[in-house]
Amino acid sequence: MRRALGSDAAQRARTAKRALREVPFAAPRNSVIVEGFADMVIETDDGIEIVDWKTDQITPSEVQDRLQQYELQAGLYVLGIEAATGRRVTRVTYVFVSAGVEASPGEPDALARAAEERLTQA
């Protein structure tokens, strides 16, 4: 828990004009409804940062591989949060607590496009 609270993302949340935890979202996309909970949403002047804390027991060298596994999830978060708020997501951050690493799986627009493509295949 201390590592999570000591992360850069937690610091950004503490200094943001608004940060919300466990933010639910639901948004219709094609023939499905994308729904879930984002661990944290940080409001910035530029848009929204989505933060997800991961408790996977991995080493720092494993983070990049694990990030790839979360790309679809990140894209769905972007689609859902943008639809729910009407605001642009400017950053998606995963905090791998055990590894002590904070990283992004990619640019939000690209993540959302890839997720949208997967939804059309479903």
PDB file of N, CA and C in Angstrom:
ATOM      1  N   MET A   1       0.816  -1.184   0.000  1.00  0.00           N
ATOM      2  CA  MET A   1       0.000   0.000   0.000  1.00  0.00           C
ATOM      3  C   MET A   1       0.868   1.258   0.000  1.00  0.00           C
ATOM      4  N   ARG A   2       1.964   1.232   0.754  1.00  0.00           N
ATOM      5  CA  ARG A   2       2.853   2.404   0.789  1.00  0.00           C
ATOM      6  C   ARG A   2       3.430   2.722  -0.569  1.00  0.00           C
ATOM      7  N   ARG A   3       3.799   1.666  -1.296  1.00  0.00           N
ATOM      8  CA  ARG A   3       4.348   1.903  -2.642  1.00  0.00           C
ATOM      9  C   ARG A   3       3.321   2.586  -3.529  1.00  0.00           C
ATOM     10  N   ALA A   4       2.078   2.139  -3.450  1.00  0.00           N
ATOM     11  CA  ALA A   4       1.020   2.749  -4.257  1.00  0.00           C
ATOM     12  C   ALA A   4       0.842   4.214  -3.872  1.00  0.00           C
ATOM     13  N   LEU A   5       0.787   4.497  -2.586  1.00  0.00           N
ATOM     14  CA  LEU A   5       0.597   5.872  -2.130  1.00  0.00           C
ATOM     15  C   LEU A   5       1.809   6.748  -2.405  1.00  0.00           C
ATOM     16  N   GLY A   6       2.976   6.131  -2.544  1.00  0.00           N
ATOM     17  CA  GLY A   6       4.196   6.871  -2.842  1.00  0.00           C
ATOM     18  C   GLY A   6       4.473   7.032  -4.324  1.00  0.00           C
ATOM     19  N   SER A   7       3.600   6.512  -5.163  1.00  0.00           N
ATOM     20  CA  SER A   7       3.821   6.584  -6.611  1.00  0.00           C
ATOM     21  C   SER A   7       3.636   8.007  -7.125  1.00  0.00           C
ATOM     22  N   ASP A   8       4.219   8.265  -8.285  1.00  0.00           N
ATOM     23  CA  ASP A   8       4.040   9.571  -8.936  1.00  0.00           C
ATOM     24  C   ASP A   8       2.566   9.823  -9.246  1.00  0.00           C
ATOM     25  N   ALA A   9       1.838   8.768  -9.624  1.00  0.00           N
ATOM     26  CA  ALA A   9       0.412   8.915  -9.933  1.00  0.00           C
ATOM     27  C   ALA A   9      -0.365   9.359  -8.701  1.00  0.00           C
ATOM     28  N   ALA A  10      -0.057   8.783  -7.556  1.00  0.00           N
ATOM     29  CA  ALA A  10      -0.732   9.193  -6.323  1.00  0.00           C
ATOM     30  C   ALA A  10      -0.402  10.641  -5.991  1.00  0.00           C
ATOM     31  N   GLN A  11       0.824  11.042  -6.248  1.00  0.00           N
ATOM     32  CA  GLN A  11       1.210  12.438  -6.022  1.00  0.00           C
ATOM     33  C   GLN A  11       0.444  13.367  -6.960  1.00  0.00           C
ATOM     34  N   ARG A  12       0.299  12.977  -8.222  1.00  0.00           N
ATOM     35  CA  ARG A  12      -0.472  13.798  -9.164  1.00  0.00           C
ATOM     36  C   ARG A  12      -1.924  13.918  -8.700  1.00  0.00           C
ATOM     37  N   ALA A  13      -2.464  12.835  -8.155  1.00  0.00           N
ATOM     38  CA  ALA A  13      -3.843  12.856  -7.662  1.00  0.00           C
ATOM     39  C   ALA A  13      -3.980  13.815  -6.480  1.00  0.00           C
ATOM     40  N   ARG A  14      -3.003  13.798  -5.595  1.00  0.00           N
ATOM     41  CA  ARG A  14      -3.068  14.675  -4.417  1.00  0.00           C
ATOM     42  C   ARG A  14      -2.996  16.150  -4.788  1.00  0.00           C
ATOM     43  N   THR A  15      -2.327  16.471  -5.884  1.00  0.00           N
ATOM     44  CA  THR A  15      -2.163  17.872  -6.263  1.00  0.00           C
ATOM     45  C   THR A  15      -3.137  18.319  -7.359  1.00  0.00           C
ATOM     46  N   ALA A  16      -3.933  17.402  -7.873  1.00  0.00           N
ATOM     47  CA  ALA A  16      -4.880  17.727  -8.950  1.00  0.00           C
ATOM     48  C   ALA A  16      -6.055  18.536  -8.410  1.00  0.00           C
ATOM     49  N   LYS A  17      -6.707  19.267  -9.310  1.00  0.00           N
ATOM     50  CA  LYS A  17      -7.892  19.997  -8.867  1.00  0.00           C
ATOM     51  C   LYS A  17      -9.020  19.023  -8.515  1.00  0.00           C
ATOM     52  N   ARG A  18      -8.993  17.837  -9.141  1.00  0.00           N
ATOM     53  CA  ARG A  18      -9.972  16.814  -8.782  1.00  0.00           C
ATOM     54  C   ARG A  18      -9.445  15.442  -9.170  1.00  0.00           C
ATOM     55  N   ALA A  19      -9.601  14.496  -8.257  1.00  0.00           N
ATOM     56  CA  ALA A  19      -9.241  13.099  -8.515  1.00  0.00           C
ATOM     57  C   ALA A  19     -10.316  12.236  -7.878  1.00  0.00           C
ATOM     58  N   LEU A  20     -10.790  11.271  -8.629  1.00  0.00           N
ATOM     59  CA  LEU A  20     -11.862  10.397  -8.160  1.00  0.00           C
ATOM     60  C   LEU A  20     -11.398   8.953  -8.184  1.00  0.00           C
ATOM     61  N   ARG A  21     -11.769   8.188  -7.164  1.00  0.00           N
ATOM     62  CA  ARG A  21     -11.417   6.772  -7.095  1.00  0.00           C
ATOM     63  C   ARG A  21     -12.613   5.909  -7.481  1.00  0.00           C
ATOM     64  N   GLU A  22     -12.296   4.713  -8.007  1.00  0.00           N
ATOM     65  CA  GLU A  22     -13.325   3.726  -8.364  1.00  0.00           C
ATOM     66  C   GLU A  22     -14.453   4.368  -9.180  1.00  0.00           C
ATOM     67  N   VAL A  23     -14.090   4.885 -10.335  1.00  0.00           N
ATOM     68  CA  VAL A  23     -15.036   5.604 -11.183  1.00  0.00           C
ATOM     69  C   VAL A  23     -15.730   4.625 -12.136  1.00  0.00           C
ATOM     70  N   PRO A  24     -17.048   4.475 -11.980  1.00  0.00           N
ATOM     71  CA  PRO A  24     -17.773   3.563 -12.878  1.00  0.00           C
ATOM     72  C   PRO A  24     -18.051   4.248 -14.219  1.00  0.00           C
ATOM     73  N   PHE A  25     -18.143   3.425 -15.258  1.00  0.00           N
ATOM     74  CA  PHE A  25     -18.530   3.956 -16.562  1.00  0.00           C
ATOM     75  C   PHE A  25     -19.290   2.889 -17.322  1.00  0.00           C
ATOM     76  N   ALA A  26     -20.143   3.336 -18.222  1.00  0.00           N
ATOM     77  CA  ALA A  26     -20.870   2.452 -19.139  1.00  0.00           C
ATOM     78  C   ALA A  26     -21.142   3.270 -20.396  1.00  0.00           C
ATOM     79  N   ALA A  27     -20.822   2.684 -21.537  1.00  0.00           N
ATOM     80  CA  ALA A  27     -21.001   3.398 -22.797  1.00  0.00           C
ATOM     81  C   ALA A  27     -21.326   2.414 -23.907  1.00  0.00           C
ATOM     82  N   PRO A  28     -22.377   2.687 -24.674  1.00  0.00           N
ATOM     83  CA  PRO A  28     -22.677   1.816 -25.817  1.00  0.00           C
ATOM     84  C   PRO A  28     -21.651   2.029 -26.927  1.00  0.00           C
ATOM     85  N   ARG A  29     -21.130   0.931 -27.445  1.00  0.00           N
ATOM     86  CA  ARG A  29     -20.183   0.964 -28.575  1.00  0.00           C
ATOM     87  C   ARG A  29     -20.595  -0.157 -29.511  1.00  0.00           C
ATOM     88  N   ASN A  30     -20.978   0.209 -30.719  1.00  0.00           N
ATOM     89  CA  ASN A  30     -21.457  -0.770 -31.693  1.00  0.00           C
ATOM     90  C   ASN A  30     -22.594  -1.550 -31.064  1.00  0.00           C
ATOM     91  N   SER A  31     -22.511  -2.846 -30.995  1.00  0.00           N
ATOM     92  CA  SER A  31     -23.614  -3.644 -30.459  1.00  0.00           C
ATOM     93  C   SER A  31     -23.358  -4.116 -29.027  1.00  0.00           C
ATOM     94  N   VAL A  32     -22.373  -3.523 -28.354  1.00  0.00           N
ATOM     95  CA  VAL A  32     -22.074  -3.918 -26.975  1.00  0.00           C
ATOM     96  C   VAL A  32     -22.041  -2.685 -26.072  1.00  0.00           C
ATOM     97  N   ILE A  33     -22.131  -2.937 -24.786  1.00  0.00           N
ATOM     98  CA  ILE A  33     -21.978  -1.867 -23.813  1.00  0.00           C
ATOM     99  C   ILE A  33     -20.657  -2.096 -23.102  1.00  0.00           C
ATOM    100  N   VAL A  34     -19.807  -1.112 -23.165  1.00  0.00           N
ATOM    101  CA  VAL A  34     -18.521  -1.147 -22.484  1.00  0.00           C
ATOM    102  C   VAL A  34     -18.758  -0.608 -21.084  1.00  0.00           C
ATOM    103  N   GLU A  35     -18.471  -1.415 -20.076  1.00  0.00           N
ATOM    104  CA  GLU A  35     -18.661  -0.941 -18.713  1.00  0.00           C
ATOM    105  C   GLU A  35     -17.548  -1.450 -17.822  1.00  0.00           C
ATOM    106  N   GLY A  36     -17.293  -0.705 -16.793  1.00  0.00           N
ATOM    107  CA  GLY A  36     -16.257  -1.093 -15.851  1.00  0.00           C
ATOM    108  C   GLY A  36     -16.039  -0.027 -14.808  1.00  0.00           C
ATOM    109  N   PHE A  37     -14.912  -0.148 -14.115  1.00  0.00           N
ATOM    110  CA  PHE A  37     -14.503   0.804 -13.089  1.00  0.00           C
ATOM    111  C   PHE A  37     -13.041   1.152 -13.328  1.00  0.00           C
ATOM    112  N   ALA A  38     -12.741   2.421 -13.342  1.00  0.00           N
ATOM    113  CA  ALA A  38     -11.349   2.868 -13.395  1.00  0.00           C
ATOM    114  C   ALA A  38     -10.902   3.090 -11.956  1.00  0.00           C
ATOM    115  N   ASP A  39      -9.715   2.594 -11.603  1.00  0.00           N
ATOM    116  CA  ASP A  39      -9.228   2.765 -10.233  1.00  0.00           C
ATOM    117  C   ASP A  39      -9.200   4.230  -9.832  1.00  0.00           C
ATOM    118  N   MET A  40      -8.696   5.071 -10.727  1.00  0.00           N
ATOM    119  CA  MET A  40      -8.646   6.504 -10.436  1.00  0.00           C
ATOM    120  C   MET A  40      -8.708   7.303 -11.727  1.00  0.00           C
ATOM    121  N   VAL A  41      -9.381   8.429 -11.651  1.00  0.00           N
ATOM    122  CA  VAL A  41      -9.453   9.384 -12.746  1.00  0.00           C
ATOM    123  C   VAL A  41      -8.960  10.716 -12.191  1.00  0.00           C
ATOM    124  N   ILE A  42      -7.942  11.255 -12.824  1.00  0.00           N
ATOM    125  CA  ILE A  42      -7.369  12.534 -12.400  1.00  0.00           C
ATOM    126  C   ILE A  42      -7.719  13.582 -13.450  1.00  0.00           C
ATOM    127  N   GLU A  43      -8.381  14.633 -13.005  1.00  0.00           N
ATOM    128  CA  GLU A  43      -8.753  15.712 -13.911  1.00  0.00           C
ATOM    129  C   GLU A  43      -7.605  16.714 -13.995  1.00  0.00           C
ATOM    130  N   THR A  44      -7.207  17.016 -15.221  1.00  0.00           N
ATOM    131  CA  THR A  44      -6.159  18.014 -15.449  1.00  0.00           C
ATOM    132  C   THR A  44      -6.718  19.099 -16.363  1.00  0.00           C
ATOM    133  N   ASP A  45      -5.967  20.157 -16.550  1.00  0.00           N
ATOM    134  CA  ASP A  45      -6.405  21.215 -17.461  1.00  0.00           C
ATOM    135  C   ASP A  45      -6.513  20.704 -18.892  1.00  0.00           C
ATOM    136  N   ASP A  46      -5.682  19.717 -19.260  1.00  0.00           N
ATOM    137  CA  ASP A  46      -5.659  19.182 -20.622  1.00  0.00           C
ATOM    138  C   ASP A  46      -6.700  18.109 -20.876  1.00  0.00           C
ATOM    139  N   GLY A  47      -7.209  17.475 -19.826  1.00  0.00           N
ATOM    140  CA  GLY A  47      -8.151  16.374 -19.996  1.00  0.00           C
ATOM    141  C   GLY A  47      -8.139  15.482 -18.776  1.00  0.00           C
ATOM    142  N   ILE A  48      -8.130  14.194 -19.029  1.00  0.00           N
ATOM    143  CA  ILE A  48      -8.244  13.211 -17.953  1.00  0.00           C
ATOM    144  C   ILE A  48      -7.116  12.198 -18.041  1.00  0.00           C
ATOM    145  N   GLU A  49      -6.564  11.871 -16.892  1.00  0.00           N
ATOM    146  CA  GLU A  49      -5.619  10.756 -16.779  1.00  0.00           C
ATOM    147  C   GLU A  49      -6.338   9.619 -16.073  1.00  0.00           C
ATOM    148  N   ILE A  50      -6.247   8.434 -16.649  1.00  0.00           N
ATOM    149  CA  ILE A  50      -6.787   7.232 -16.020  1.00  0.00           C
ATOM    150  C   ILE A  50      -5.625   6.499 -15.378  1.00  0.00           C
ATOM    151  N   VAL A  51      -5.780   6.122 -14.107  1.00  0.00           N
ATOM    152  CA  VAL A  51      -4.738   5.404 -13.381  1.00  0.00           C
ATOM    153  C   VAL A  51      -5.292   4.062 -12.931  1.00  0.00           C
ATOM    154  N   ASP A  52      -4.509   3.020 -13.150  1.00  0.00           N
ATOM    155  CA  ASP A  52      -4.890   1.678 -12.708  1.00  0.00           C
ATOM    156  C   ASP A  52      -3.709   1.097 -11.938  1.00  0.00           C
ATOM    157  N   TRP A  53      -3.956   0.735 -10.690  1.00  0.00           N
ATOM    158  CA  TRP A  53      -2.910   0.100  -9.887  1.00  0.00           C
ATOM    159  C   TRP A  53      -2.963  -1.399 -10.107  1.00  0.00           C
ATOM    160  N   LYS A  54      -1.812  -1.990 -10.372  1.00  0.00           N
ATOM    161  CA  LYS A  54      -1.697  -3.427 -10.599  1.00  0.00           C
ATOM    162  C   LYS A  54      -0.867  -4.051  -9.490  1.00  0.00           C
ATOM    163  N   THR A  55      -1.383  -5.119  -8.942  1.00  0.00           N
ATOM    164  CA  THR A  55      -0.691  -5.807  -7.847  1.00  0.00           C
ATOM    165  C   THR A  55       0.001  -7.083  -8.319  1.00  0.00           C
ATOM    166  N   ASP A  56       0.140  -7.226  -9.644  1.00  0.00           N
ATOM    167  CA  ASP A  56       0.850  -8.368 -10.210  1.00  0.00           C
ATOM    168  C   ASP A  56       2.223  -8.476  -9.531  1.00  0.00           C
ATOM    169  N   GLN A  57       2.613  -9.659  -9.165  1.00  0.00           N
ATOM    170  CA  GLN A  57       3.928  -9.876  -8.561  1.00  0.00           C
ATOM    171  C   GLN A  57       4.943 -10.085  -9.681  1.00  0.00           C
ATOM    172  N   ILE A  58       5.456  -8.966 -10.199  1.00  0.00           N
ATOM    173  CA  ILE A  58       6.403  -9.028 -11.307  1.00  0.00           C
ATOM    174  C   ILE A  58       7.612  -8.155 -10.988  1.00  0.00           C
ATOM    175  N   THR A  59       8.661  -8.361 -11.765  1.00  0.00           N
ATOM    176  CA  THR A  59       9.869  -7.560 -11.622  1.00  0.00           C
ATOM    177  C   THR A  59       9.804  -6.388 -12.609  1.00  0.00           C
ATOM    178  N   PRO A  60      10.623  -5.383 -12.404  1.00  0.00           N
ATOM    179  CA  PRO A  60      10.626  -4.261 -13.350  1.00  0.00           C
ATOM    180  C   PRO A  60      10.887  -4.693 -14.798  1.00  0.00           C
ATOM    181  N   SER A  61      11.691  -5.713 -14.997  1.00  0.00           N
ATOM    182  CA  SER A  61      11.992  -6.152 -16.360  1.00  0.00           C
ATOM    183  C   SER A  61      10.789  -6.818 -17.045  1.00  0.00           C
ATOM    184  N   GLU A  62       9.784  -7.197 -16.289  1.00  0.00           N
ATOM    185  CA  GLU A  62       8.594  -7.840 -16.854  1.00  0.00           C
ATOM    186  C   GLU A  62       7.480  -6.849 -17.194  1.00  0.00           C
ATOM    187  N   VAL A  63       7.647  -5.603 -16.816  1.00  0.00           N
ATOM    188  CA  VAL A  63       6.574  -4.617 -16.967  1.00  0.00           C
ATOM    189  C   VAL A  63       6.166  -4.425 -18.425  1.00  0.00           C
ATOM    190  N   GLN A  64       7.108  -4.260 -19.334  1.00  0.00           N
ATOM    191  CA  GLN A  64       6.751  -3.999 -20.732  1.00  0.00           C
ATOM    192  C   GLN A  64       5.907  -5.123 -21.330  1.00  0.00           C
ATOM    193  N   ASP A  65       6.259  -6.372 -21.041  1.00  0.00           N
ATOM    194  CA  ASP A  65       5.453  -7.490 -21.536  1.00  0.00           C
ATOM    195  C   ASP A  65       4.058  -7.465 -20.932  1.00  0.00           C
ATOM    196  N   ARG A  66       3.979  -7.164 -19.647  1.00  0.00           N
ATOM    197  CA  ARG A  66       2.680  -7.141 -18.975  1.00  0.00           C
ATOM    198  C   ARG A  66       1.815  -5.995 -19.499  1.00  0.00           C
ATOM    199  N   LEU A  67       2.434  -4.875 -19.829  1.00  0.00           N
ATOM    200  CA  LEU A  67       1.684  -3.743 -20.384  1.00  0.00           C
ATOM    201  C   LEU A  67       0.936  -4.133 -21.655  1.00  0.00           C
ATOM    202  N   GLN A  68       1.578  -4.935 -22.484  1.00  0.00           N
ATOM    203  CA  GLN A  68       0.928  -5.377 -23.722  1.00  0.00           C
ATOM    204  C   GLN A  68      -0.350  -6.149 -23.419  1.00  0.00           C
ATOM    205  N   GLN A  69      -0.354  -6.893 -22.333  1.00  0.00           N
ATOM    206  CA  GLN A  69      -1.536  -7.661 -21.960  1.00  0.00           C
ATOM    207  C   GLN A  69      -2.689  -6.762 -21.515  1.00  0.00           C
ATOM    208  N   TYR A  70      -2.363  -5.533 -21.121  1.00  0.00           N
ATOM    209  CA  TYR A  70      -3.383  -4.605 -20.645  1.00  0.00           C
ATOM    210  C   TYR A  70      -3.796  -3.569 -21.690  1.00  0.00           C
ATOM    211  N   GLU A  71      -3.319  -3.678 -22.912  1.00  0.00           N
ATOM    212  CA  GLU A  71      -3.650  -2.678 -23.938  1.00  0.00           C
ATOM    213  C   GLU A  71      -5.143  -2.615 -24.227  1.00  0.00           C
ATOM    214  N   LEU A  72      -5.800  -3.771 -24.356  1.00  0.00           N
ATOM    215  CA  LEU A  72      -7.243  -3.773 -24.621  1.00  0.00           C
ATOM    216  C   LEU A  72      -7.988  -3.134 -23.457  1.00  0.00           C
ATOM    217  N   GLN A  73      -7.639  -3.500 -22.247  1.00  0.00           N
ATOM    218  CA  GLN A  73      -8.282  -2.912 -21.078  1.00  0.00           C
ATOM    219  C   GLN A  73      -8.117  -1.392 -21.082  1.00  0.00           C
ATOM    220  N   ALA A  74      -6.921  -0.924 -21.360  1.00  0.00           N
ATOM    221  CA  ALA A  74      -6.657   0.511 -21.386  1.00  0.00           C
ATOM    222  C   ALA A  74      -7.517   1.205 -22.443  1.00  0.00           C
ATOM    223  N   GLY A  75      -7.617   0.607 -23.620  1.00  0.00           N
ATOM    224  CA  GLY A  75      -8.439   1.182 -24.678  1.00  0.00           C
ATOM    225  C   GLY A  75      -9.905   1.238 -24.309  1.00  0.00           C
ATOM    226  N   LEU A  76     -10.393   0.198 -23.640  1.00  0.00           N
ATOM    227  CA  LEU A  76     -11.783   0.196 -23.184  1.00  0.00           C
ATOM    228  C   LEU A  76     -12.009   1.263 -22.124  1.00  0.00           C
ATOM    229  N   TYR A  77     -11.029   1.453 -21.242  1.00  0.00           N
ATOM    230  CA  TYR A  77     -11.115   2.541 -20.262  1.00  0.00           C
ATOM    231  C   TYR A  77     -11.239   3.884 -20.978  1.00  0.00           C
ATOM    232  N   VAL A  78     -10.424   4.104 -21.987  1.00  0.00           N
ATOM    233  CA  VAL A  78     -10.455   5.368 -22.714  1.00  0.00           C
ATOM    234  C   VAL A  78     -11.827   5.566 -23.358  1.00  0.00           C
ATOM    235  N   LEU A  79     -12.318   4.553 -24.055  1.00  0.00           N
ATOM    236  CA  LEU A  79     -13.641   4.655 -24.689  1.00  0.00           C
ATOM    237  C   LEU A  79     -14.717   4.963 -23.662  1.00  0.00           C
ATOM    238  N   GLY A  80     -14.711   4.230 -22.568  1.00  0.00           N
ATOM    239  CA  GLY A  80     -15.755   4.391 -21.549  1.00  0.00           C
ATOM    240  C   GLY A  80     -15.693   5.716 -20.824  1.00  0.00           C
ATOM    241  N   ILE A  81     -14.522   6.118 -20.410  1.00  0.00           N
ATOM    242  CA  ILE A  81     -14.387   7.372 -19.658  1.00  0.00           C
ATOM    243  C   ILE A  81     -14.666   8.578 -20.554  1.00  0.00           C
ATOM    244  N   GLU A  82     -14.195   8.536 -21.797  1.00  0.00           N
ATOM    245  CA  GLU A  82     -14.489   9.652 -22.701  1.00  0.00           C
ATOM    246  C   GLU A  82     -15.988   9.761 -22.967  1.00  0.00           C
ATOM    247  N   ALA A  83     -16.646   8.636 -23.173  1.00  0.00           N
ATOM    248  CA  ALA A  83     -18.090   8.658 -23.413  1.00  0.00           C
ATOM    249  C   ALA A  83     -18.848   9.144 -22.178  1.00  0.00           C
ATOM    250  N   ALA A  84     -18.395   8.719 -21.006  1.00  0.00           N
ATOM    251  CA  ALA A  84     -19.092   9.079 -19.771  1.00  0.00           C
ATOM    252  C   ALA A  84     -18.889  10.543 -19.380  1.00  0.00           C
ATOM    253  N   THR A  85     -17.721  11.090 -19.695  1.00  0.00           N
ATOM    254  CA  THR A  85     -17.407  12.453 -19.243  1.00  0.00           C
ATOM    255  C   THR A  85     -17.500  13.506 -20.329  1.00  0.00           C
ATOM    256  N   GLY A  86     -17.390  13.082 -21.581  1.00  0.00           N
ATOM    257  CA  GLY A  86     -17.344  14.042 -22.670  1.00  0.00           C
ATOM    258  C   GLY A  86     -16.015  14.776 -22.745  1.00  0.00           C
ATOM    259  N   ARG A  87     -15.039  14.292 -21.996  1.00  0.00           N
ATOM    260  CA  ARG A  87     -13.714  14.909 -21.988  1.00  0.00           C
ATOM    261  C   ARG A  87     -12.703  13.955 -22.581  1.00  0.00           C
ATOM    262  N   ARG A  88     -11.624  14.511 -23.079  1.00  0.00           N
ATOM    263  CA  ARG A  88     -10.562  13.735 -23.714  1.00  0.00           C
ATOM    264  C   ARG A  88      -9.654  13.096 -22.661  1.00  0.00           C
ATOM    265  N   VAL A  89      -9.324  11.822 -22.862  1.00  0.00           N
ATOM    266  CA  VAL A  89      -8.320  11.161 -22.035  1.00  0.00           C
ATOM    267  C   VAL A  89      -6.963  11.468 -22.650  1.00  0.00           C
ATOM    268  N   THR A  90      -6.076  12.016 -21.844  1.00  0.00           N
ATOM    269  CA  THR A  90      -4.763  12.419 -22.335  1.00  0.00           C
ATOM    270  C   THR A  90      -3.654  11.473 -21.892  1.00  0.00           C
ATOM    271  N   ARG A  91      -3.983  10.576 -20.947  1.00  0.00           N
ATOM    272  CA  ARG A  91      -2.943   9.686 -20.432  1.00  0.00           C
ATOM    273  C   ARG A  91      -3.593   8.495 -19.737  1.00  0.00           C
ATOM    274  N   VAL A  92      -3.001   7.330 -19.946  1.00  0.00           N
ATOM    275  CA  VAL A  92      -3.386   6.124 -19.224  1.00  0.00           C
ATOM    276  C   VAL A  92      -2.128   5.629 -18.526  1.00  0.00           C
ATOM    277  N   THR A  93      -2.224   5.462 -17.214  1.00  0.00           N
ATOM    278  CA  THR A  93      -1.069   5.069 -16.426  1.00  0.00           C
ATOM    279  C   THR A  93      -1.369   3.799 -15.654  1.00  0.00           C
ATOM    280  N   TYR A  94      -0.463   2.843 -15.754  1.00  0.00           N
ATOM    281  CA  TYR A  94      -0.525   1.639 -14.926  1.00  0.00           C
ATOM    282  C   TYR A  94       0.596   1.736 -13.909  1.00  0.00           C
ATOM    283  N   VAL A  95       0.263   1.540 -12.650  1.00  0.00           N
ATOM    284  CA  VAL A  95       1.254   1.539 -11.579  1.00  0.00           C
ATOM    285  C   VAL A  95       1.406   0.100 -11.124  1.00  0.00           C
ATOM    286  N   PHE A  96       2.560  -0.492 -11.436  1.00  0.00           N
ATOM    287  CA  PHE A  96       2.858  -1.863 -11.022  1.00  0.00           C
ATOM    288  C   PHE A  96       3.511  -1.770  -9.647  1.00  0.00           C
ATOM    289  N   VAL A  97       2.708  -1.995  -8.628  1.00  0.00           N
ATOM    290  CA  VAL A  97       3.113  -1.726  -7.255  1.00  0.00           C
ATOM    291  C   VAL A  97       4.322  -2.555  -6.841  1.00  0.00           C
ATOM    292  N   SER A  98       4.294  -3.870  -7.074  1.00  0.00           N
ATOM    293  CA  SER A  98       5.400  -4.723  -6.615  1.00  0.00           C
ATOM    294  C   SER A  98       6.705  -4.400  -7.337  1.00  0.00           C
ATOM    295  N   ALA A  99       6.612  -3.990  -8.584  1.00  0.00           N
ATOM    296  CA  ALA A  99       7.807  -3.667  -9.361  1.00  0.00           C
ATOM    297  C   ALA A  99       8.279  -2.235  -9.115  1.00  0.00           C
ATOM    298  N   GLY A 100       7.401  -1.407  -8.537  1.00  0.00           N
ATOM    299  CA  GLY A 100       7.752  -0.015  -8.319  1.00  0.00           C
ATOM    300  C   GLY A 100       7.884   0.762  -9.614  1.00  0.00           C
ATOM    301  N   VAL A 101       7.065   0.393 -10.621  1.00  0.00           N
ATOM    302  CA  VAL A 101       7.167   1.002 -11.943  1.00  0.00           C
ATOM    303  C   VAL A 101       5.819   1.576 -12.348  1.00  0.00           C
ATOM    304  N   GLU A 102       5.867   2.776 -12.899  1.00  0.00           N
ATOM    305  CA  GLU A 102       4.698   3.432 -13.456  1.00  0.00           C
ATOM    306  C   GLU A 102       4.931   3.566 -14.959  1.00  0.00           C
ATOM    307  N   ALA A 103       3.965   3.098 -15.770  1.00  0.00           N
ATOM    308  CA  ALA A 103       4.165   3.115 -17.217  1.00  0.00           C
ATOM    309  C   ALA A 103       2.821   3.209 -17.934  1.00  0.00           C
ATOM    310  N   SER A 104       2.896   3.592 -19.196  1.00  0.00           N
ATOM    311  CA  SER A 104       1.703   3.694 -20.027  1.00  0.00           C
ATOM    312  C   SER A 104       1.752   2.639 -21.128  1.00  0.00           C
ATOM    313  N   PRO A 105       0.605   2.028 -21.435  1.00  0.00           N
ATOM    314  CA  PRO A 105       0.583   1.052 -22.529  1.00  0.00           C
ATOM    315  C   PRO A 105       0.532   1.701 -23.908  1.00  0.00           C
ATOM    316  N   GLY A 106       0.388   3.021 -23.959  1.00  0.00           N
ATOM    317  CA  GLY A 106       0.380   3.690 -25.251  1.00  0.00           C
ATOM    318  C   GLY A 106      -0.413   4.980 -25.235  1.00  0.00           C
ATOM    319  N   GLU A 107      -0.490   5.586 -26.396  1.00  0.00           N
ATOM    320  CA  GLU A 107      -1.197   6.842 -26.566  1.00  0.00           C
ATOM    321  C   GLU A 107      -2.701   6.566 -26.511  1.00  0.00           C
ATOM    322  N   PRO A 108      -3.468   7.343 -25.737  1.00  0.00           N
ATOM    323  CA  PRO A 108      -4.896   7.045 -25.546  1.00  0.00           C
ATOM    324  C   PRO A 108      -5.709   6.901 -26.828  1.00  0.00           C
ATOM    325  N   ASP A 109      -5.492   7.774 -27.812  1.00  0.00           N
ATOM    326  CA  ASP A 109      -6.274   7.668 -29.055  1.00  0.00           C
ATOM    327  C   ASP A 109      -5.998   6.347 -29.772  1.00  0.00           C
ATOM    328  N   ALA A 110      -4.745   5.937 -29.808  1.00  0.00           N
ATOM    329  CA  ALA A 110      -4.388   4.667 -30.462  1.00  0.00           C
ATOM    330  C   ALA A 110      -4.967   3.482 -29.687  1.00  0.00           C
ATOM    331  N   LEU A 111      -4.925   3.539 -28.367  1.00  0.00           N
ATOM    332  CA  LEU A 111      -5.502   2.462 -27.550  1.00  0.00           C
ATOM    333  C   LEU A 111      -7.005   2.355 -27.799  1.00  0.00           C
ATOM    334  N   ALA A 112      -7.673   3.499 -27.868  1.00  0.00           N
ATOM    335  CA  ALA A 112      -9.119   3.510 -28.099  1.00  0.00           C
ATOM    336  C   ALA A 112      -9.462   2.953 -29.485  1.00  0.00           C
ATOM    337  N   ARG A 113      -8.682   3.348 -30.500  1.00  0.00           N
ATOM    338  CA  ARG A 113      -8.935   2.822 -31.856  1.00  0.00           C
ATOM    339  C   ARG A 113      -8.779   1.306 -31.902  1.00  0.00           C
ATOM    340  N   ALA A 114      -7.743   0.794 -31.258  1.00  0.00           N
ATOM    341  CA  ALA A 114      -7.516  -0.659 -31.245  1.00  0.00           C
ATOM    342  C   ALA A 114      -8.656  -1.366 -30.509  1.00  0.00           C
ATOM    343  N   ALA A 115      -9.119  -0.789 -29.412  1.00  0.00           N
ATOM    344  CA  ALA A 115     -10.223  -1.395 -28.663  1.00  0.00           C
ATOM    345  C   ALA A 115     -11.505  -1.368 -29.489  1.00  0.00           C
ATOM    346  N   GLU A 116     -11.739  -0.257 -30.157  1.00  0.00           N
ATOM    347  CA  GLU A 116     -12.924  -0.136 -31.014  1.00  0.00           C
ATOM    348  C   GLU A 116     -12.902  -1.199 -32.117  1.00  0.00           C
ATOM    349  N   GLU A 117     -11.745  -1.404 -32.686  1.00  0.00           N
ATOM    350  CA  GLU A 117     -11.598  -2.432 -33.730  1.00  0.00           C
ATOM    351  C   GLU A 117     -11.906  -3.824 -33.175  1.00  0.00           C
ATOM    352  N   ARG A 118     -11.424  -4.105 -31.979  1.00  0.00           N
ATOM    353  CA  ARG A 118     -11.723  -5.403 -31.354  1.00  0.00           C
ATOM    354  C   ARG A 118     -13.207  -5.566 -31.085  1.00  0.00           C
ATOM    355  N   LEU A 119     -13.864  -4.480 -30.700  1.00  0.00           N
ATOM    356  CA  LEU A 119     -15.307  -4.551 -30.439  1.00  0.00           C
ATOM    357  C   LEU A 119     -16.096  -4.832 -31.707  1.00  0.00           C
ATOM    358  N   THR A 120     -15.650  -4.317 -32.827  1.00  0.00           N
ATOM    359  CA  THR A 120     -16.367  -4.575 -34.082  1.00  0.00           C
ATOM    360  C   THR A 120     -16.204  -6.020 -34.532  1.00  0.00           C
ATOM    361  N   GLN A 121     -15.144  -6.673 -34.055  1.00  0.00           N
ATOM    362  CA  GLN A 121     -14.918  -8.078 -34.384  1.00  0.00           C
ATOM    363  C   GLN A 121     -15.711  -9.013 -33.486  1.00  0.00           C
ATOM    364  N   ALA A 122     -16.214  -8.486 -32.375  1.00  0.00           N
ATOM    365  CA  ALA A 122     -16.924  -9.331 -31.393  1.00  0.00           C
ATOM    366  C   ALA A 122     -18.313  -9.703 -31.873  1.00  0.00           C
TER     367      ALA A 122
END
